[in-house]
Amino acid sequence: MNQPVKPLDPEVVFVDSECFRRIQWRSRRGLLENDLLLTQFLQLKDGKLSQLEHDGLAQLLELPDNELLDLILERQEPKDALQTAGVLQVLEAIRRLGEDQPSSHRLSQSQPSAVI
């Protein structure tokens, strides 16, 4: 039941729906900005998260909220163990989320983050 679902491209393996739901639950964050961005990212994935994306997101979710937000807003770049293809792919996708929105609605580096 927990077997990965293979898409048409034989090099990409998607996680199953149960695994997707677990990572979706883990993505709930205390920092509102992170919560909103991660929720939007996963909604756009529509249940289709590659194993590479899953592993990258799981690594990012191990970080404290403020460190995660710094990576998303490009205040910092991933270092050491976070320099993996999965982490970089997820960060790039999250960073592009606001590109279709007017600049007044984007979360930018200049906006302060709330610390709870």
Protein backbone atom coordinates (compact mmCIF):
# COMPACT_ATOMS: atom_id res chain seq x y z
CA MET A 1 0.00 0.00 0.00
CA ASN A 2 2.88 2.41 0.70
CA GLN A 3 4.65 1.68 -2.58
CA PRO A 4 5.80 4.70 -4.58
CA VAL A 5 3.72 5.50 -7.64
CA LYS A 6 5.74 5.44 -10.87
CA PRO A 7 4.91 8.17 -13.38
CA LEU A 8 5.41 8.04 -17.15
CA ASP A 9 8.98 9.31 -16.81
CA PRO A 10 10.87 6.27 -15.48
CA GLU A 11 13.45 8.44 -13.70
CA VAL A 12 10.89 10.20 -11.47
CA VAL A 13 9.19 8.37 -8.62
CA PHE A 14 6.24 9.95 -6.81
CA VAL A 15 5.39 9.25 -3.19
CA ASP A 16 2.02 7.65 -2.47
CA SER A 17 -0.96 9.57 -1.08
CA GLU A 18 -0.35 8.48 2.53
CA CYS A 19 3.25 9.69 2.41
CA PHE A 20 2.07 12.96 0.84
CA ARG A 21 -0.48 13.47 3.65
CA ARG A 22 2.20 12.85 6.30
CA ILE A 23 4.59 15.43 4.84
CA GLN A 24 1.66 17.82 4.42
CA TRP A 25 0.87 17.48 8.13
CA ARG A 26 4.55 17.96 9.07
CA SER A 27 4.56 21.16 6.99
CA ARG A 28 2.25 22.93 9.42
CA ARG A 29 4.45 25.57 11.00
CA GLY A 30 4.25 28.03 13.88
CA LEU A 31 5.52 30.89 11.74
CA LEU A 32 2.62 32.08 9.58
CA GLU A 33 4.79 32.96 6.56
CA ASN A 34 6.24 29.44 6.44
CA ASP A 35 2.84 27.87 6.97
CA LEU A 36 1.31 29.84 4.10
CA LEU A 37 4.17 29.21 1.68
CA LEU A 38 4.46 25.50 2.42
CA THR A 39 0.69 25.05 2.20
CA GLN A 40 0.60 26.81 -1.16
CA PHE A 41 3.53 24.74 -2.45
CA LEU A 42 1.83 21.49 -1.49
CA GLN A 43 -1.54 22.59 -2.89
CA LEU A 44 0.10 23.27 -6.24
CA LYS A 45 1.65 19.81 -6.15
CA ASP A 46 -1.91 18.42 -5.95
CA GLY A 47 -0.83 15.20 -4.26
CA LYS A 48 2.01 14.57 -6.70
CA LEU A 49 5.28 15.00 -4.85
CA SER A 50 8.37 13.30 -6.24
CA GLN A 51 10.55 11.28 -3.91
CA LEU A 52 13.32 13.85 -4.47
CA GLU A 53 10.99 16.73 -3.48
CA HIS A 54 9.70 14.76 -0.49
CA ASP A 55 13.20 14.11 0.79
CA GLY A 56 14.22 17.75 0.25
CA LEU A 57 11.12 19.05 2.03
CA ALA A 58 11.66 16.61 4.90
CA GLN A 59 15.20 18.00 5.34
CA LEU A 60 13.89 21.57 5.33
CA LEU A 61 11.22 20.74 7.90
CA GLU A 62 13.94 19.75 10.37
CA LEU A 63 15.02 23.40 10.53
CA PRO A 64 13.72 25.96 13.03
CA ASP A 65 11.10 28.28 11.53
CA ASN A 66 13.32 31.35 11.28
CA GLU A 67 16.12 29.45 9.53
CA LEU A 68 13.62 27.99 7.07
CA LEU A 69 12.20 31.43 6.30
CA ASP A 70 15.70 32.82 5.77
CA LEU A 71 16.34 30.11 3.18
CA ILE A 72 13.00 30.70 1.45
CA LEU A 73 13.56 34.46 1.29
CA GLU A 74 17.15 33.96 0.09
CA ARG A 75 18.61 35.71 3.11
CA GLN A 76 20.77 32.60 3.38
CA GLU A 77 21.67 29.78 1.03
CA PRO A 78 21.67 26.10 1.97
CA LYS A 79 24.96 24.90 3.42
CA ASP A 80 26.59 21.55 4.05
CA ALA A 81 23.99 18.77 4.41
CA LEU A 82 21.26 21.00 2.95
CA GLN A 83 23.02 21.29 -0.42
CA THR A 84 21.08 18.43 -1.97
CA ALA A 85 19.16 18.32 -5.22
CA GLY A 86 15.87 17.83 -3.34
CA VAL A 87 16.36 20.79 -1.00
CA LEU A 88 17.43 23.06 -3.86
CA GLN A 89 14.47 21.97 -6.01
CA VAL A 90 11.93 22.59 -3.24
CA LEU A 91 13.42 25.96 -2.33
CA GLU A 92 13.39 27.08 -5.96
CA ALA A 93 9.75 26.05 -6.34
CA ILE A 94 8.69 27.83 -3.14
CA ARG A 95 10.64 30.96 -4.08
CA ARG A 96 8.82 31.11 -7.42
CA LEU A 97 5.35 30.93 -5.84
CA GLY A 98 4.81 34.68 -5.80
CA GLU A 99 6.06 35.41 -9.31
CA ASP A 100 2.54 35.56 -10.74
CA GLN A 101 1.30 37.91 -8.03
CA PRO A 102 1.57 41.71 -8.00
CA SER A 103 4.70 42.88 -6.22
CA SER A 104 2.62 44.39 -3.40
CA HIS A 105 1.39 40.88 -2.48
CA ARG A 106 4.75 39.10 -2.56
CA LEU A 107 6.65 38.13 0.55
CA SER A 108 9.98 39.85 0.09
CA GLN A 109 13.28 39.97 1.90
CA SER A 110 12.59 43.49 3.11
CA GLN A 111 9.44 42.51 4.99
CA PRO A 112 10.12 41.56 8.60
CA SER A 113 9.02 38.15 9.78
CA ALA A 114 6.99 37.74 12.91
CA VAL A 115 8.51 35.61 15.61
CA ILE A 116 6.03 33.80 17.78
